[in-house]
Amino acid sequence: MKRALIGFLVLAVLAYIGFPLAVAQYQSASLDPAFFESAIVAFEEGDRESPPEPGGIIFVGSSSIRFWDTLEADMAPLPAVERGFGGAHMAHVLYNADRIILPYAPQAVVVYAGDNDLAKGSGKTAEDVTRDFQQLVTQLRAAQPGLPIYFITIKPSTLRWDRWPEMDRANRQIAALAQSDPHLSILDIATPMLGPTGQEPRSELFALDGLHLSDAGYQMWTEVVRAQLMKDWATENIGEQSSGMLKTSEHAEPQ
């Protein structure tokens, strides 16, 4: 019994030491822009078998997009195409834009990234996220001038609450960009995800890990995102490239 107890304690200590080390190694490796190559190849292979119709709305970003299993149904009748992958940073979205965004000739792009960029230990700042997003906008517009782009604000989560000030700063910087860009819009999901006092996230919007969204969380995101897209893109124009494409939305800075 004593040996078993000692063995258990040793394993517990190794796990305690090893988990942070594993996280640090993952964070370091994930800084490589090509880190999610296998996920991108999987998208390309799937597209060869069943290519999406051109002219849809591409939702791209990290796991909050990847795990949005009801996205197409939630956005109907808008033609949503989900292209979320792993723990993507904004830099990964930028690096792979010519493979998972531009080939679809989208009428609009919805981006959610920056959450993983600003996780504890990443070494990145709000300025890094804003710079990478700005470069993404430039790259997409070079191929499709005037392309409407939406930024879903970085969410406040219980797991990363200590990083919220930096995430909020990134949200505000990108909101400032939208003020001078009539085709860049902010989808503010951050404000309604905070409790009444604004001092903590609403726990019911999260899964058990305190990071990913619960069904209630996705329902709330749907209400915000779909309402703005439907407002900007009249239902009768779905599937047609009108001269105005998506109408410009109001650019309210996140609170």
C-alpha atoms as a PDB file:
ATOM      1  CA  MET A   1       0.000   0.000   0.000  1.00  0.00           C
ATOM      2  CA  LYS A   2       2.848   2.359   0.881  1.00  0.00           C
ATOM      3  CA  ARG A   3       4.591   1.694  -2.442  1.00  0.00           C
ATOM      4  CA  ALA A   4       1.352   2.243  -4.314  1.00  0.00           C
ATOM      5  CA  LEU A   5       0.841   5.544  -2.533  1.00  0.00           C
ATOM      6  CA  ILE A   6       4.385   6.638  -3.311  1.00  0.00           C
ATOM      7  CA  GLY A   7       3.910   5.625  -6.953  1.00  0.00           C
ATOM      8  CA  PHE A   8       0.701   7.617  -7.169  1.00  0.00           C
ATOM      9  CA  LEU A   9       2.370  10.681  -5.663  1.00  0.00           C
ATOM     10  CA  VAL A  10       5.262  10.419  -8.110  1.00  0.00           C
ATOM     11  CA  LEU A  11       2.854  10.217 -11.062  1.00  0.00           C
ATOM     12  CA  ALA A  12       0.901  13.167  -9.695  1.00  0.00           C
ATOM     13  CA  VAL A  13       4.055  15.255  -9.402  1.00  0.00           C
ATOM     14  CA  LEU A  14       5.180  14.299 -12.915  1.00  0.00           C
ATOM     15  CA  ALA A  15       1.748  15.184 -14.273  1.00  0.00           C
ATOM     16  CA  TYR A  16       1.830  18.495 -12.412  1.00  0.00           C
ATOM     17  CA  ILE A  17       5.222  19.310 -13.889  1.00  0.00           C
ATOM     18  CA  GLY A  18       4.627  17.765 -17.285  1.00  0.00           C
ATOM     19  CA  PHE A  19       1.327  19.431 -18.173  1.00  0.00           C
ATOM     20  CA  PRO A  20       2.654  23.016 -18.113  1.00  0.00           C
ATOM     21  CA  LEU A  21       5.692  21.823 -20.065  1.00  0.00           C
ATOM     22  CA  ALA A  22       3.474  20.205 -22.694  1.00  0.00           C
ATOM     23  CA  VAL A  23       1.387  23.377 -22.958  1.00  0.00           C
ATOM     24  CA  ALA A  24       4.523  25.491 -23.365  1.00  0.00           C
ATOM     25  CA  GLN A  25       5.841  23.173 -26.081  1.00  0.00           C
ATOM     26  CA  TYR A  26       2.511  23.296 -27.927  1.00  0.00           C
ATOM     27  CA  GLN A  27       2.390  27.092 -27.740  1.00  0.00           C
ATOM     28  CA  SER A  28       5.917  27.325 -29.103  1.00  0.00           C
ATOM     29  CA  ALA A  29       5.250  24.900 -31.958  1.00  0.00           C
ATOM     30  CA  SER A  30       1.943  26.546 -32.832  1.00  0.00           C
ATOM     31  CA  LEU A  31       3.692  29.824 -33.660  1.00  0.00           C
ATOM     32  CA  ASP A  32       4.718  28.212 -36.954  1.00  0.00           C
ATOM     33  CA  PRO A  33       2.295  29.591 -39.599  1.00  0.00           C
ATOM     34  CA  ALA A  34       2.114  26.118 -41.169  1.00  0.00           C
ATOM     35  CA  PHE A  35       1.293  24.383 -37.869  1.00  0.00           C
ATOM     36  CA  PHE A  36      -2.236  23.431 -38.987  1.00  0.00           C
ATOM     37  CA  GLU A  37      -1.243  22.148 -42.427  1.00  0.00           C
ATOM     38  CA  SER A  38      -3.065  18.833 -41.950  1.00  0.00           C
ATOM     39  CA  ALA A  39      -6.351  20.638 -41.237  1.00  0.00           C
ATOM     40  CA  ILE A  40      -5.926  22.831 -44.310  1.00  0.00           C
ATOM     41  CA  VAL A  41      -5.179  19.810 -46.509  1.00  0.00           C
ATOM     42  CA  ALA A  42      -8.325  18.145 -45.145  1.00  0.00           C
ATOM     43  CA  PHE A  43     -10.377  21.156 -46.262  1.00  0.00           C
ATOM     44  CA  GLU A  44      -8.818  21.016 -49.724  1.00  0.00           C
ATOM     45  CA  GLU A  45      -9.478  17.306 -50.079  1.00  0.00           C
ATOM     46  CA  GLY A  46     -13.064  17.767 -48.982  1.00  0.00           C
ATOM     47  CA  ASP A  47     -13.502  20.601 -51.465  1.00  0.00           C
ATOM     48  CA  ARG A  48     -12.333  18.400 -54.318  1.00  0.00           C
ATOM     49  CA  GLU A  49     -14.984  15.847 -53.430  1.00  0.00           C
ATOM     50  CA  SER A  50     -17.763  18.303 -52.666  1.00  0.00           C
ATOM     51  CA  PRO A  51     -16.881  21.915 -53.458  1.00  0.00           C
ATOM     52  CA  PRO A  52     -18.975  24.637 -51.795  1.00  0.00           C
ATOM     53  CA  GLU A  53     -20.965  26.929 -54.049  1.00  0.00           C
ATOM     54  CA  PRO A  54     -19.047  30.151 -54.758  1.00  0.00           C
ATOM     55  CA  GLY A  55     -20.364  33.402 -53.368  1.00  0.00           C
ATOM     56  CA  GLY A  56     -21.128  32.209 -49.846  1.00  0.00           C
ATOM     57  CA  ILE A  57     -20.202  33.679 -46.484  1.00  0.00           C
ATOM     58  CA  ILE A  58     -16.968  32.133 -45.208  1.00  0.00           C
ATOM     59  CA  PHE A  59     -16.692  31.727 -41.434  1.00  0.00           C
ATOM     60  CA  VAL A  60     -13.023  31.276 -40.611  1.00  0.00           C
ATOM     61  CA  GLY A  61     -10.991  31.128 -37.417  1.00  0.00           C
ATOM     62  CA  SER A  62     -10.272  28.995 -34.396  1.00  0.00           C
ATOM     63  CA  SER A  63     -12.173  26.300 -32.502  1.00  0.00           C
ATOM     64  CA  SER A  64     -15.134  28.549 -31.688  1.00  0.00           C
ATOM     65  CA  ILE A  65     -15.863  28.401 -35.423  1.00  0.00           C
ATOM     66  CA  ARG A  66     -14.744  24.793 -35.835  1.00  0.00           C
ATOM     67  CA  PHE A  67     -17.108  23.531 -33.119  1.00  0.00           C
ATOM     68  CA  TRP A  68     -20.071  25.540 -34.400  1.00  0.00           C
ATOM     69  CA  ASP A  69     -21.771  22.369 -35.624  1.00  0.00           C
ATOM     70  CA  THR A  70     -25.096  24.090 -36.320  1.00  0.00           C
ATOM     71  CA  LEU A  71     -23.576  27.035 -38.182  1.00  0.00           C
ATOM     72  CA  GLU A  72     -25.199  26.405 -41.569  1.00  0.00           C
ATOM     73  CA  ALA A  73     -28.616  25.864 -40.015  1.00  0.00           C
ATOM     74  CA  ASP A  74     -28.193  28.809 -37.637  1.00  0.00           C
ATOM     75  CA  MET A  75     -27.364  31.197 -40.485  1.00  0.00           C
ATOM     76  CA  ALA A  76     -30.036  29.936 -42.923  1.00  0.00           C
ATOM     77  CA  PRO A  77     -31.096  31.147 -45.398  1.00  0.00           C
ATOM     78  CA  LEU A  78     -27.668  32.794 -45.604  1.00  0.00           C
ATOM     79  CA  PRO A  79     -25.139  30.451 -47.301  1.00  0.00           C
ATOM     80  CA  ALA A  80     -22.557  29.928 -44.536  1.00  0.00           C
ATOM     81  CA  VAL A  81     -19.381  27.901 -45.091  1.00  0.00           C
ATOM     82  CA  GLU A  82     -17.456  26.804 -41.969  1.00  0.00           C
ATOM     83  CA  ARG A  83     -13.660  26.917 -42.151  1.00  0.00           C
ATOM     84  CA  GLY A  84     -12.538  26.863 -38.525  1.00  0.00           C
ATOM     85  CA  PHE A  85      -9.476  24.872 -37.501  1.00  0.00           C
ATOM     86  CA  GLY A  86      -7.826  23.822 -34.246  1.00  0.00           C
ATOM     87  CA  GLY A  87      -6.355  26.464 -31.999  1.00  0.00           C
ATOM     88  CA  ALA A  88      -5.773  28.872 -34.857  1.00  0.00           C
ATOM     89  CA  HIS A  89      -4.164  32.256 -34.299  1.00  0.00           C
ATOM     90  CA  MET A  90      -4.918  35.237 -36.516  1.00  0.00           C
ATOM     91  CA  ALA A  91      -1.542  34.590 -38.167  1.00  0.00           C
ATOM     92  CA  HIS A  92      -2.673  31.093 -39.188  1.00  0.00           C
ATOM     93  CA  VAL A  93      -5.805  32.501 -40.800  1.00  0.00           C
ATOM     94  CA  LEU A  94      -3.661  35.030 -42.661  1.00  0.00           C
ATOM     95  CA  TYR A  95      -1.154  32.390 -43.786  1.00  0.00           C
ATOM     96  CA  ASN A  96      -3.869  30.090 -45.166  1.00  0.00           C
ATOM     97  CA  ALA A  97      -6.257  32.697 -46.581  1.00  0.00           C
ATOM     98  CA  ASP A  98      -5.355  31.916 -50.187  1.00  0.00           C
ATOM     99  CA  ARG A  99      -6.305  28.270 -49.604  1.00  0.00           C
ATOM    100  CA  ILE A 100      -9.396  28.362 -47.387  1.00  0.00           C
ATOM    101  CA  ILE A 101     -11.001  31.750 -48.144  1.00  0.00           C
ATOM    102  CA  LEU A 102     -10.179  33.155 -51.575  1.00  0.00           C
ATOM    103  CA  PRO A 103     -10.854  29.988 -53.648  1.00  0.00           C
ATOM    104  CA  TYR A 104     -14.548  30.261 -52.729  1.00  0.00           C
ATOM    105  CA  ALA A 105     -14.982  33.785 -54.153  1.00  0.00           C
ATOM    106  CA  PRO A 106     -16.933  34.749 -51.021  1.00  0.00           C
ATOM    107  CA  GLN A 107     -19.419  37.583 -50.867  1.00  0.00           C
ATOM    108  CA  ALA A 108     -18.383  38.124 -47.260  1.00  0.00           C
ATOM    109  CA  VAL A 109     -15.923  36.776 -44.694  1.00  0.00           C
ATOM    110  CA  VAL A 110     -16.557  36.410 -40.946  1.00  0.00           C
ATOM    111  CA  VAL A 111     -13.414  36.073 -38.801  1.00  0.00           C
ATOM    112  CA  TYR A 112     -13.036  34.806 -35.240  1.00  0.00           C
ATOM    113  CA  ALA A 113      -9.414  34.632 -34.106  1.00  0.00           C
ATOM    114  CA  GLY A 114      -7.191  36.285 -31.527  1.00  0.00           C
ATOM    115  CA  ASP A 115      -8.375  34.253 -28.557  1.00  0.00           C
ATOM    116  CA  ASN A 116      -5.501  31.755 -28.759  1.00  0.00           C
ATOM    117  CA  ASP A 117      -3.029  34.461 -29.741  1.00  0.00           C
ATOM    118  CA  LEU A 118      -3.523  36.146 -26.379  1.00  0.00           C
ATOM    119  CA  ALA A 119      -3.666  33.051 -24.161  1.00  0.00           C
ATOM    120  CA  LYS A 120      -1.298  33.052 -21.201  1.00  0.00           C
ATOM    121  CA  GLY A 121       2.263  32.280 -22.265  1.00  0.00           C
ATOM    122  CA  SER A 122       1.770  32.991 -25.967  1.00  0.00           C
ATOM    123  CA  GLY A 123       3.995  36.059 -25.870  1.00  0.00           C
ATOM    124  CA  LYS A 124       1.669  37.946 -28.202  1.00  0.00           C
ATOM    125  CA  THR A 125      -0.016  41.295 -27.614  1.00  0.00           C
ATOM    126  CA  ALA A 126      -3.106  43.084 -28.834  1.00  0.00           C
ATOM    127  CA  GLU A 127      -0.895  44.837 -31.381  1.00  0.00           C
ATOM    128  CA  ASP A 128       0.148  41.492 -32.865  1.00  0.00           C
ATOM    129  CA  VAL A 129      -3.476  40.452 -33.348  1.00  0.00           C
ATOM    130  CA  THR A 130      -4.423  43.796 -34.857  1.00  0.00           C
ATOM    131  CA  ARG A 131      -1.441  43.775 -37.226  1.00  0.00           C
ATOM    132  CA  ASP A 132      -2.185  40.261 -38.456  1.00  0.00           C
ATOM    133  CA  PHE A 133      -5.860  41.077 -38.928  1.00  0.00           C
ATOM    134  CA  GLN A 134      -4.970  44.238 -40.841  1.00  0.00           C
ATOM    135  CA  GLN A 135      -2.723  42.186 -43.139  1.00  0.00           C
ATOM    136  CA  LEU A 136      -5.526  39.661 -43.632  1.00  0.00           C
ATOM    137  CA  VAL A 137      -7.902  42.433 -44.685  1.00  0.00           C
ATOM    138  CA  THR A 138      -5.292  43.798 -47.095  1.00  0.00           C
ATOM    139  CA  GLN A 139      -4.680  40.371 -48.639  1.00  0.00           C
ATOM    140  CA  LEU A 140      -8.376  39.603 -49.096  1.00  0.00           C
ATOM    141  CA  ARG A 141      -9.120  43.030 -50.550  1.00  0.00           C
ATOM    142  CA  ALA A 142      -6.222  42.753 -52.994  1.00  0.00           C
ATOM    143  CA  ALA A 143      -8.018  39.776 -54.510  1.00  0.00           C
ATOM    144  CA  GLN A 144     -11.564  41.089 -54.025  1.00  0.00           C
ATOM    145  CA  PRO A 145     -11.723  44.879 -53.672  1.00  0.00           C
ATOM    146  CA  GLY A 146     -14.503  46.035 -51.386  1.00  0.00           C
ATOM    147  CA  LEU A 147     -15.019  42.560 -49.904  1.00  0.00           C
ATOM    148  CA  PRO A 148     -17.153  42.880 -46.741  1.00  0.00           C
ATOM    149  CA  ILE A 149     -15.276  41.506 -43.734  1.00  0.00           C
ATOM    150  CA  TYR A 150     -16.721  40.954 -40.273  1.00  0.00           C
ATOM    151  CA  PHE A 151     -14.707  40.583 -37.079  1.00  0.00           C
ATOM    152  CA  ILE A 152     -16.341  38.662 -34.237  1.00  0.00           C
ATOM    153  CA  THR A 153     -14.897  40.208 -31.101  1.00  0.00           C
ATOM    154  CA  ILE A 154     -12.632  38.064 -28.932  1.00  0.00           C
ATOM    155  CA  LYS A 155     -14.789  36.532 -26.226  1.00  0.00           C
ATOM    156  CA  PRO A 156     -14.301  36.924 -22.477  1.00  0.00           C
ATOM    157  CA  SER A 157     -14.016  33.380 -21.064  1.00  0.00           C
ATOM    158  CA  THR A 158     -13.778  32.014 -17.549  1.00  0.00           C
ATOM    159  CA  LEU A 159     -10.622  30.021 -18.362  1.00  0.00           C
ATOM    160  CA  ARG A 160      -8.786  33.060 -19.744  1.00  0.00           C
ATOM    161  CA  TRP A 161     -10.378  35.777 -17.651  1.00  0.00           C
ATOM    162  CA  ASP A 162      -6.961  36.998 -16.495  1.00  0.00           C
ATOM    163  CA  ARG A 163      -6.168  37.771 -20.152  1.00  0.00           C
ATOM    164  CA  TRP A 164      -9.377  39.681 -20.789  1.00  0.00           C
ATOM    165  CA  PRO A 165      -7.847  43.207 -20.502  1.00  0.00           C
ATOM    166  CA  GLU A 166      -5.448  42.421 -23.374  1.00  0.00           C
ATOM    167  CA  MET A 167      -8.203  40.757 -25.415  1.00  0.00           C
ATOM    168  CA  ASP A 168     -10.476  43.730 -24.859  1.00  0.00           C
ATOM    169  CA  ARG A 169      -7.659  45.999 -26.015  1.00  0.00           C
ATOM    170  CA  ALA A 170      -7.369  44.011 -29.259  1.00  0.00           C
ATOM    171  CA  ASN A 171     -11.138  44.286 -29.757  1.00  0.00           C
ATOM    172  CA  ARG A 172     -10.957  48.042 -29.374  1.00  0.00           C
ATOM    173  CA  GLN A 173      -8.025  48.407 -31.744  1.00  0.00           C
ATOM    174  CA  ILE A 174      -9.825  46.457 -34.465  1.00  0.00           C
ATOM    175  CA  ALA A 175     -13.033  48.404 -33.791  1.00  0.00           C
ATOM    176  CA  ALA A 176     -11.007  51.560 -34.434  1.00  0.00           C
ATOM    177  CA  LEU A 177      -9.958  50.171 -37.833  1.00  0.00           C
ATOM    178  CA  ALA A 178     -13.621  49.618 -38.688  1.00  0.00           C
ATOM    179  CA  GLN A 179     -14.396  53.269 -38.060  1.00  0.00           C
ATOM    180  CA  SER A 180     -12.465  54.225 -41.198  1.00  0.00           C
ATOM    181  CA  ASP A 181     -13.371  51.204 -43.344  1.00  0.00           C
ATOM    182  CA  PRO A 182     -16.946  51.102 -44.684  1.00  0.00           C
ATOM    183  CA  HIS A 183     -16.610  47.414 -45.555  1.00  0.00           C
ATOM    184  CA  LEU A 184     -15.261  46.258 -42.193  1.00  0.00           C
ATOM    185  CA  SER A 185     -17.804  45.514 -39.473  1.00  0.00           C
ATOM    186  CA  ILE A 186     -17.623  44.520 -35.822  1.00  0.00           C
ATOM    187  CA  LEU A 187     -19.859  41.769 -34.465  1.00  0.00           C
ATOM    188  CA  ASP A 188     -19.769  42.445 -30.739  1.00  0.00           C
ATOM    189  CA  ILE A 189     -20.428  39.189 -28.897  1.00  0.00           C
ATOM    190  CA  ALA A 190     -18.148  40.205 -26.011  1.00  0.00           C
ATOM    191  CA  THR A 191     -20.503  42.654 -24.321  1.00  0.00           C
ATOM    192  CA  PRO A 192     -23.494  40.280 -24.018  1.00  0.00           C
ATOM    193  CA  MET A 193     -21.189  37.497 -22.776  1.00  0.00           C
ATOM    194  CA  LEU A 194     -20.354  39.484 -19.651  1.00  0.00           C
ATOM    195  CA  GLY A 195     -22.490  39.371 -16.518  1.00  0.00           C
ATOM    196  CA  PRO A 196     -24.632  42.309 -15.315  1.00  0.00           C
ATOM    197  CA  THR A 197     -21.678  44.024 -13.638  1.00  0.00           C
ATOM    198  CA  GLY A 198     -19.293  43.402 -16.535  1.00  0.00           C
ATOM    199  CA  GLN A 199     -16.809  41.903 -14.095  1.00  0.00           C
ATOM    200  CA  GLU A 200     -17.100  38.250 -15.118  1.00  0.00           C
ATOM    201  CA  PRO A 201     -18.225  36.069 -18.036  1.00  0.00           C
ATOM    202  CA  ARG A 202     -21.650  34.436 -17.958  1.00  0.00           C
ATOM    203  CA  SER A 203     -20.862  30.841 -16.993  1.00  0.00           C
ATOM    204  CA  GLU A 204     -23.931  29.360 -18.720  1.00  0.00           C
ATOM    205  CA  LEU A 205     -22.489  30.372 -22.094  1.00  0.00           C
ATOM    206  CA  PHE A 206     -19.506  28.034 -21.720  1.00  0.00           C
ATOM    207  CA  ALA A 207     -18.793  24.326 -21.805  1.00  0.00           C
ATOM    208  CA  LEU A 208     -17.230  22.623 -18.786  1.00  0.00           C
ATOM    209  CA  ASP A 209     -13.723  23.693 -19.831  1.00  0.00           C
ATOM    210  CA  GLY A 210     -14.643  27.356 -19.367  1.00  0.00           C
ATOM    211  CA  LEU A 211     -13.289  28.204 -22.817  1.00  0.00           C
ATOM    212  CA  HIS A 212     -15.458  26.716 -25.540  1.00  0.00           C
ATOM    213  CA  LEU A 213     -19.087  27.649 -26.016  1.00  0.00           C
ATOM    214  CA  SER A 214     -22.106  25.789 -24.711  1.00  0.00           C
ATOM    215  CA  ASP A 215     -25.312  25.443 -26.739  1.00  0.00           C
ATOM    216  CA  ALA A 216     -26.526  28.597 -24.993  1.00  0.00           C
ATOM    217  CA  GLY A 217     -23.328  30.352 -26.019  1.00  0.00           C
ATOM    218  CA  TYR A 218     -23.792  29.477 -29.668  1.00  0.00           C
ATOM    219  CA  GLN A 219     -27.423  30.522 -29.498  1.00  0.00           C
ATOM    220  CA  MET A 220     -26.328  33.937 -28.253  1.00  0.00           C
ATOM    221  CA  TRP A 221     -23.670  34.207 -30.977  1.00  0.00           C
ATOM    222  CA  THR A 222     -26.284  33.273 -33.567  1.00  0.00           C
ATOM    223  CA  GLU A 223     -28.589  36.048 -32.413  1.00  0.00           C
ATOM    224  CA  VAL A 224     -25.844  38.656 -32.758  1.00  0.00           C
ATOM    225  CA  VAL A 225     -24.167  37.419 -35.949  1.00  0.00           C
ATOM    226  CA  ARG A 226     -27.205  36.368 -37.971  1.00  0.00           C
ATOM    227  CA  ALA A 227     -29.146  39.514 -37.126  1.00  0.00           C
ATOM    228  CA  GLN A 228     -26.367  41.744 -38.477  1.00  0.00           C
ATOM    229  CA  LEU A 229     -25.774  39.659 -41.594  1.00  0.00           C
ATOM    230  CA  MET A 230     -29.483  39.545 -42.375  1.00  0.00           C
ATOM    231  CA  LYS A 231     -29.674  43.294 -41.883  1.00  0.00           C
ATOM    232  CA  ASP A 232     -26.766  43.856 -44.253  1.00  0.00           C
ATOM    233  CA  TRP A 233     -27.733  41.291 -46.848  1.00  0.00           C
ATOM    234  CA  ALA A 234     -31.388  41.391 -47.834  1.00  0.00           C
ATOM    235  CA  THR A 235     -32.911  37.915 -48.101  1.00  0.00           C
ATOM    236  CA  GLU A 236     -34.012  38.465 -51.684  1.00  0.00           C
ATOM    237  CA  ASN A 237     -30.382  38.993 -52.716  1.00  0.00           C
ATOM    238  CA  ILE A 238     -29.122  35.694 -51.307  1.00  0.00           C
ATOM    239  CA  GLY A 239     -27.116  33.857 -53.930  1.00  0.00           C
ATOM    240  CA  GLU A 240     -26.943  36.897 -56.170  1.00  0.00           C
ATOM    241  CA  GLN A 241     -24.099  39.370 -56.385  1.00  0.00           C
ATOM    242  CA  SER A 242     -25.893  42.685 -56.301  1.00  0.00           C
ATOM    243  CA  SER A 243     -24.089  45.883 -57.177  1.00  0.00           C
ATOM    244  CA  GLY A 244     -23.934  46.846 -53.519  1.00  0.00           C
ATOM    245  CA  MET A 245     -23.184  43.349 -52.221  1.00  0.00           C
ATOM    246  CA  LEU A 246     -23.499  43.572 -48.449  1.00  0.00           C
ATOM    247  CA  LYS A 247     -24.741  46.861 -47.120  1.00  0.00           C
ATOM    248  CA  THR A 248     -22.446  48.636 -44.713  1.00  0.00           C
ATOM    249  CA  SER A 249     -23.316  48.061 -41.072  1.00  0.00           C
ATOM    250  CA  GLU A 250     -22.860  50.480 -38.218  1.00  0.00           C
ATOM    251  CA  HIS A 251     -19.466  50.141 -36.574  1.00  0.00           C
ATOM    252  CA  ALA A 252     -20.108  50.258 -32.852  1.00  0.00           C
ATOM    253  CA  GLU A 253     -17.020  49.934 -30.712  1.00  0.00           C
ATOM    254  CA  PRO A 254     -17.259  47.127 -28.130  1.00  0.00           C
ATOM    255  CA  GLN A 255     -17.989  48.318 -24.629  1.00  0.00           C
END
